[in-house]
Amino acid sequence: MSAAVIPREQAIANARRVLDAARRRRDMDRAAGRLPAEVELIMRRLEREQRKRSADAHRIAA
């Protein structure tokens, strides 16, 4: 086992970079209207749920 070991921080940074690039591509496709209607509906539902959870958390904290 002489393979190089990637430090945990570097592995996380690499994964974050790939995820951020994928999100940028998705957002660009969405802005250009290139996402299928089903995917757009799913994203809107998820965003609505996220906003609701955020509002609930603010209400509980207040």
PDB file of N, CA and C in Angstrom:
ATOM      1  N   MET A   1       0.822  -1.172   0.000  1.00  0.00           N
ATOM      2  CA  MET A   1       0.000   0.000   0.000  1.00  0.00           C
ATOM      3  C   MET A   1       0.872   1.243   0.000  1.00  0.00           C
ATOM      4  N   SER A   2       1.446   1.503  -1.133  1.00  0.00           N
ATOM      5  CA  SER A   2       2.290   2.687  -1.226  1.00  0.00           C
ATOM      6  C   SER A   2       1.603   3.805  -2.009  1.00  0.00           C
ATOM      7  N   ALA A   3       0.302   3.680  -2.218  1.00  0.00           N
ATOM      8  CA  ALA A   3      -0.434   4.718  -2.935  1.00  0.00           C
ATOM      9  C   ALA A   3      -0.507   5.983  -2.088  1.00  0.00           C
ATOM     10  N   ALA A   4      -0.483   7.110  -2.786  1.00  0.00           N
ATOM     11  CA  ALA A   4      -0.558   8.396  -2.089  1.00  0.00           C
ATOM     12  C   ALA A   4      -1.937   8.551  -1.450  1.00  0.00           C
ATOM     13  N   VAL A   5      -1.946   9.119  -0.275  1.00  0.00           N
ATOM     14  CA  VAL A   5      -3.190   9.358   0.445  1.00  0.00           C
ATOM     15  C   VAL A   5      -3.522  10.842   0.340  1.00  0.00           C
ATOM     16  N   ILE A   6      -4.723  11.120  -0.088  1.00  0.00           N
ATOM     17  CA  ILE A   6      -5.156  12.507  -0.200  1.00  0.00           C
ATOM     18  C   ILE A   6      -5.651  12.949   1.178  1.00  0.00           C
ATOM     19  N   PRO A   7      -5.142  14.072   1.664  1.00  0.00           N
ATOM     20  CA  PRO A   7      -5.621  14.567   2.969  1.00  0.00           C
ATOM     21  C   PRO A   7      -7.130  14.852   2.908  1.00  0.00           C
ATOM     22  N   ARG A   8      -7.780  14.670   4.025  1.00  0.00           N
ATOM     23  CA  ARG A   8      -9.235  14.847   4.109  1.00  0.00           C
ATOM     24  C   ARG A   8      -9.659  16.227   3.617  1.00  0.00           C
ATOM     25  N   GLU A   9      -8.933  17.262   4.023  1.00  0.00           N
ATOM     26  CA  GLU A   9      -9.266  18.627   3.624  1.00  0.00           C
ATOM     27  C   GLU A   9      -9.206  18.784   2.112  1.00  0.00           C
ATOM     28  N   GLN A  10      -8.195  18.157   1.495  1.00  0.00           N
ATOM     29  CA  GLN A  10      -8.050  18.249   0.044  1.00  0.00           C
ATOM     30  C   GLN A  10      -9.177  17.498  -0.656  1.00  0.00           C
ATOM     31  N   ALA A  11      -9.548  16.349  -0.130  1.00  0.00           N
ATOM     32  CA  ALA A  11     -10.649  15.579  -0.719  1.00  0.00           C
ATOM     33  C   ALA A  11     -11.953  16.364  -0.654  1.00  0.00           C
ATOM     34  N   ILE A  12     -12.183  17.027   0.474  1.00  0.00           N
ATOM     35  CA  ILE A  12     -13.400  17.836   0.620  1.00  0.00           C
ATOM     36  C   ILE A  12     -13.361  19.015  -0.344  1.00  0.00           C
ATOM     37  N   ALA A  13     -12.211  19.671  -0.461  1.00  0.00           N
ATOM     38  CA  ALA A  13     -12.080  20.812  -1.377  1.00  0.00           C
ATOM     39  C   ALA A  13     -12.319  20.368  -2.822  1.00  0.00           C
ATOM     40  N   ASN A  14     -11.785  19.201  -3.191  1.00  0.00           N
ATOM     41  CA  ASN A  14     -11.994  18.684  -4.545  1.00  0.00           C
ATOM     42  C   ASN A  14     -13.465  18.398  -4.801  1.00  0.00           C
ATOM     43  N   ALA A  15     -14.117  17.771  -3.849  1.00  0.00           N
ATOM     44  CA  ALA A  15     -15.541  17.450  -4.005  1.00  0.00           C
ATOM     45  C   ALA A  15     -16.365  18.732  -4.091  1.00  0.00           C
ATOM     46  N   ARG A  16     -16.038  19.719  -3.276  1.00  0.00           N
ATOM     47  CA  ARG A  16     -16.753  20.999  -3.295  1.00  0.00           C
ATOM     48  C   ARG A  16     -16.601  21.681  -4.657  1.00  0.00           C
ATOM     49  N   ARG A  17     -15.381  21.642  -5.216  1.00  0.00           N
ATOM     50  CA  ARG A  17     -15.125  22.265  -6.516  1.00  0.00           C
ATOM     51  C   ARG A  17     -15.965  21.613  -7.615  1.00  0.00           C
ATOM     52  N   VAL A  18     -16.042  20.286  -7.606  1.00  0.00           N
ATOM     53  CA  VAL A  18     -16.837  19.568  -8.596  1.00  0.00           C
ATOM     54  C   VAL A  18     -18.322  19.872  -8.416  1.00  0.00           C
ATOM     55  N   LEU A  19     -18.790  19.883  -7.170  1.00  0.00           N
ATOM     56  CA  LEU A  19     -20.202  20.177  -6.898  1.00  0.00           C
ATOM     57  C   LEU A  19     -20.559  21.605  -7.315  1.00  0.00           C
ATOM     58  N   ASP A  20     -19.694  22.555  -7.000  1.00  0.00           N
ATOM     59  CA  ASP A  20     -19.952  23.939  -7.384  1.00  0.00           C
ATOM     60  C   ASP A  20     -20.012  24.101  -8.902  1.00  0.00           C
ATOM     61  N   ALA A  21     -19.129  23.407  -9.621  1.00  0.00           N
ATOM     62  CA  ALA A  21     -19.139  23.474 -11.090  1.00  0.00           C
ATOM     63  C   ALA A  21     -20.436  22.887 -11.646  1.00  0.00           C
ATOM     64  N   ALA A  22     -20.885  21.784 -11.068  1.00  0.00           N
ATOM     65  CA  ALA A  22     -22.140  21.170 -11.514  1.00  0.00           C
ATOM     66  C   ALA A  22     -23.319  22.090 -11.250  1.00  0.00           C
ATOM     67  N   ARG A  23     -23.313  22.754 -10.099  1.00  0.00           N
ATOM     68  CA  ARG A  23     -24.394  23.697  -9.785  1.00  0.00           C
ATOM     69  C   ARG A  23     -24.389  24.885 -10.742  1.00  0.00           C
ATOM     70  N   ARG A  24     -23.192  25.379 -11.087  1.00  0.00           N
ATOM     71  CA  ARG A  24     -23.113  26.483 -12.046  1.00  0.00           C
ATOM     72  C   ARG A  24     -23.679  26.068 -13.397  1.00  0.00           C
ATOM     73  N   ARG A  25     -23.322  24.861 -13.866  1.00  0.00           N
ATOM     74  CA  ARG A  25     -23.859  24.369 -15.156  1.00  0.00           C
ATOM     75  C   ARG A  25     -25.369  24.245 -15.085  1.00  0.00           C
ATOM     76  N   ARG A  26     -25.884  23.684 -13.981  1.00  0.00           N
ATOM     77  CA  ARG A  26     -27.329  23.544 -13.813  1.00  0.00           C
ATOM     78  C   ARG A  26     -28.012  24.900 -13.829  1.00  0.00           C
ATOM     79  N   ASP A  27     -27.455  25.857 -13.105  1.00  0.00           N
ATOM     80  CA  ASP A  27     -28.054  27.191 -13.046  1.00  0.00           C
ATOM     81  C   ASP A  27     -28.025  27.879 -14.406  1.00  0.00           C
ATOM     82  N   MET A  28     -26.939  27.698 -15.151  1.00  0.00           N
ATOM     83  CA  MET A  28     -26.865  28.285 -16.492  1.00  0.00           C
ATOM     84  C   MET A  28     -27.892  27.636 -17.419  1.00  0.00           C
ATOM     85  N   ASP A  29     -28.021  26.324 -17.344  1.00  0.00           N
ATOM     86  CA  ASP A  29     -29.018  25.627 -18.164  1.00  0.00           C
ATOM     87  C   ASP A  29     -30.425  26.059 -17.782  1.00  0.00           C
ATOM     88  N   ARG A  30     -30.649  26.227 -16.496  1.00  0.00           N
ATOM     89  CA  ARG A  30     -31.978  26.643 -16.030  1.00  0.00           C
ATOM     90  C   ARG A  30     -32.301  28.054 -16.521  1.00  0.00           C
ATOM     91  N   ALA A  31     -31.340  28.957 -16.412  1.00  0.00           N
ATOM     92  CA  ALA A  31     -31.548  30.337 -16.858  1.00  0.00           C
ATOM     93  C   ALA A  31     -31.808  30.396 -18.359  1.00  0.00           C
ATOM     94  N   ALA A  32     -31.210  29.485 -19.104  1.00  0.00           N
ATOM     95  CA  ALA A  32     -31.383  29.462 -20.560  1.00  0.00           C
ATOM     96  C   ALA A  32     -32.627  28.672 -20.968  1.00  0.00           C
ATOM     97  N   GLY A  33     -33.333  28.088 -19.987  1.00  0.00           N
ATOM     98  CA  GLY A  33     -34.541  27.333 -20.297  1.00  0.00           C
ATOM     99  C   GLY A  33     -34.278  25.968 -20.902  1.00  0.00           C
ATOM    100  N   ARG A  34     -33.116  25.394 -20.624  1.00  0.00           N
ATOM    101  CA  ARG A  34     -32.751  24.101 -21.211  1.00  0.00           C
ATOM    102  C   ARG A  34     -33.076  22.905 -20.332  1.00  0.00           C
ATOM    103  N   LEU A  35     -33.664  23.124 -19.154  1.00  0.00           N
ATOM    104  CA  LEU A  35     -34.020  21.996 -18.291  1.00  0.00           C
ATOM    105  C   LEU A  35     -35.377  21.459 -18.705  1.00  0.00           C
ATOM    106  N   PRO A  36     -35.543  20.143 -18.633  1.00  0.00           N
ATOM    107  CA  PRO A  36     -36.870  19.578 -18.912  1.00  0.00           C
ATOM    108  C   PRO A  36     -37.894  20.105 -17.911  1.00  0.00           C
ATOM    109  N   ALA A  37     -39.134  20.188 -18.340  1.00  0.00           N
ATOM    110  CA  ALA A  37     -40.209  20.732 -17.499  1.00  0.00           C
ATOM    111  C   ALA A  37     -40.324  19.977 -16.171  1.00  0.00           C
ATOM    112  N   GLU A  38     -40.145  18.648 -16.200  1.00  0.00           N
ATOM    113  CA  GLU A  38     -40.258  17.855 -14.971  1.00  0.00           C
ATOM    114  C   GLU A  38     -39.189  18.259 -13.970  1.00  0.00           C
ATOM    115  N   VAL A  39     -37.973  18.492 -14.459  1.00  0.00           N
ATOM    116  CA  VAL A  39     -36.868  18.873 -13.583  1.00  0.00           C
ATOM    117  C   VAL A  39     -37.118  20.260 -13.004  1.00  0.00           C
ATOM    118  N   GLU A  40     -37.614  21.162 -13.837  1.00  0.00           N
ATOM    119  CA  GLU A  40     -37.924  22.516 -13.355  1.00  0.00           C
ATOM    120  C   GLU A  40     -38.975  22.455 -12.249  1.00  0.00           C
ATOM    121  N   LEU A  41     -39.998  21.633 -12.421  1.00  0.00           N
ATOM    122  CA  LEU A  41     -41.034  21.502 -11.395  1.00  0.00           C
ATOM    123  C   LEU A  41     -40.466  20.940 -10.095  1.00  0.00           C
ATOM    124  N   ILE A  42     -39.596  19.958 -10.207  1.00  0.00           N
ATOM    125  CA  ILE A  42     -38.970  19.376  -9.017  1.00  0.00           C
ATOM    126  C   ILE A  42     -38.135  20.431  -8.299  1.00  0.00           C
ATOM    127  N   MET A  43     -37.372  21.207  -9.062  1.00  0.00           N
ATOM    128  CA  MET A  43     -36.529  22.232  -8.443  1.00  0.00           C
ATOM    129  C   MET A  43     -37.376  23.296  -7.753  1.00  0.00           C
ATOM    130  N   ARG A  44     -38.476  23.691  -8.374  1.00  0.00           N
ATOM    131  CA  ARG A  44     -39.348  24.682  -7.743  1.00  0.00           C
ATOM    132  C   ARG A  44     -39.946  24.149  -6.443  1.00  0.00           C
ATOM    133  N   ARG A  45     -40.349  22.869  -6.447  1.00  0.00           N
ATOM    134  CA  ARG A  45     -40.906  22.266  -5.234  1.00  0.00           C
ATOM    135  C   ARG A  45     -39.861  22.226  -4.127  1.00  0.00           C
ATOM    136  N   LEU A  46     -38.641  21.823  -4.473  1.00  0.00           N
ATOM    137  CA  LEU A  46     -37.567  21.765  -3.479  1.00  0.00           C
ATOM    138  C   LEU A  46     -37.231  23.154  -2.929  1.00  0.00           C
ATOM    139  N   GLU A  47     -37.219  24.155  -3.803  1.00  0.00           N
ATOM    140  CA  GLU A  47     -36.946  25.518  -3.347  1.00  0.00           C
ATOM    141  C   GLU A  47     -38.047  26.016  -2.420  1.00  0.00           C
ATOM    142  N   ARG A  48     -39.294  25.701  -2.750  1.00  0.00           N
ATOM    143  CA  ARG A  48     -40.424  26.109  -1.909  1.00  0.00           C
ATOM    144  C   ARG A  48     -40.309  25.460  -0.533  1.00  0.00           C
ATOM    145  N   GLU A  49     -39.985  24.166  -0.494  1.00  0.00           N
ATOM    146  CA  GLU A  49     -39.826  23.463   0.779  1.00  0.00           C
ATOM    147  C   GLU A  49     -38.672  24.047   1.588  1.00  0.00           C
ATOM    148  N   GLN A  50     -37.589  24.401   0.905  1.00  0.00           N
ATOM    149  CA  GLN A  50     -36.439  24.969   1.600  1.00  0.00           C
ATOM    150  C   GLN A  50     -36.799  26.328   2.199  1.00  0.00           C
ATOM    151  N   ARG A  51     -37.520  27.151   1.452  1.00  0.00           N
ATOM    152  CA  ARG A  51     -37.940  28.450   1.986  1.00  0.00           C
ATOM    153  C   ARG A  51     -38.847  28.265   3.197  1.00  0.00           C
ATOM    154  N   LYS A  52     -39.739  27.267   3.135  1.00  0.00           N
ATOM    155  CA  LYS A  52     -40.648  27.012   4.251  1.00  0.00           C
ATOM    156  C   LYS A  52     -39.863  26.584   5.492  1.00  0.00           C
ATOM    157  N   ARG A  53     -38.898  25.682   5.333  1.00  0.00           N
ATOM    158  CA  ARG A  53     -38.076  25.244   6.460  1.00  0.00           C
ATOM    159  C   ARG A  53     -37.303  26.415   7.056  1.00  0.00           C
ATOM    160  N   SER A  54     -36.796  27.280   6.195  1.00  0.00           N
ATOM    161  CA  SER A  54     -36.044  28.440   6.663  1.00  0.00           C
ATOM    162  C   SER A  54     -36.952  29.385   7.445  1.00  0.00           C
ATOM    163  N   ALA A  55     -38.151  29.628   6.926  1.00  0.00           N
ATOM    164  CA  ALA A  55     -39.100  30.509   7.618  1.00  0.00           C
ATOM    165  C   ALA A  55     -39.505  29.895   8.952  1.00  0.00           C
ATOM    166  N   ASP A  56     -39.720  28.587   8.982  1.00  0.00           N
ATOM    167  CA  ASP A  56     -40.083  27.914  10.234  1.00  0.00           C
ATOM    168  C   ASP A  56     -38.955  28.038  11.260  1.00  0.00           C
ATOM    169  N   ALA A  57     -37.722  27.890  10.819  1.00  0.00           N
ATOM    170  CA  ALA A  57     -36.582  27.990  11.722  1.00  0.00           C
ATOM    171  C   ALA A  57     -36.473  29.396  12.294  1.00  0.00           C
ATOM    172  N   HIS A  58     -36.752  30.403  11.475  1.00  0.00           N
ATOM    173  CA  HIS A  58     -36.699  31.784  11.955  1.00  0.00           C
ATOM    174  C   HIS A  58     -37.805  32.043  12.971  1.00  0.00           C
ATOM    175  N   ARG A  59     -38.979  31.472  12.713  1.00  0.00           N
ATOM    176  CA  ARG A  59     -40.099  31.629  13.632  1.00  0.00           C
ATOM    177  C   ARG A  59     -39.792  30.987  14.973  1.00  0.00           C
ATOM    178  N   ILE A  60     -39.199  29.808  14.937  1.00  0.00           N
ATOM    179  CA  ILE A  60     -38.870  29.090  16.177  1.00  0.00           C
ATOM    180  C   ILE A  60     -37.794  29.855  16.957  1.00  0.00           C
ATOM    181  N   ALA A  61     -36.836  30.421  16.241  1.00  0.00           N
ATOM    182  CA  ALA A  61     -35.748  31.154  16.899  1.00  0.00           C
ATOM    183  C   ALA A  61     -36.229  32.472  17.521  1.00  0.00           C
ATOM    184  N   ALA A  62     -37.289  33.007  16.979  1.00  0.00           N
ATOM    185  CA  ALA A  62     -37.760  34.322  17.471  1.00  0.00           C
ATOM    186  C   ALA A  62     -38.540  34.224  18.761  1.00  0.00           C
TER     187      ALA A  62
END
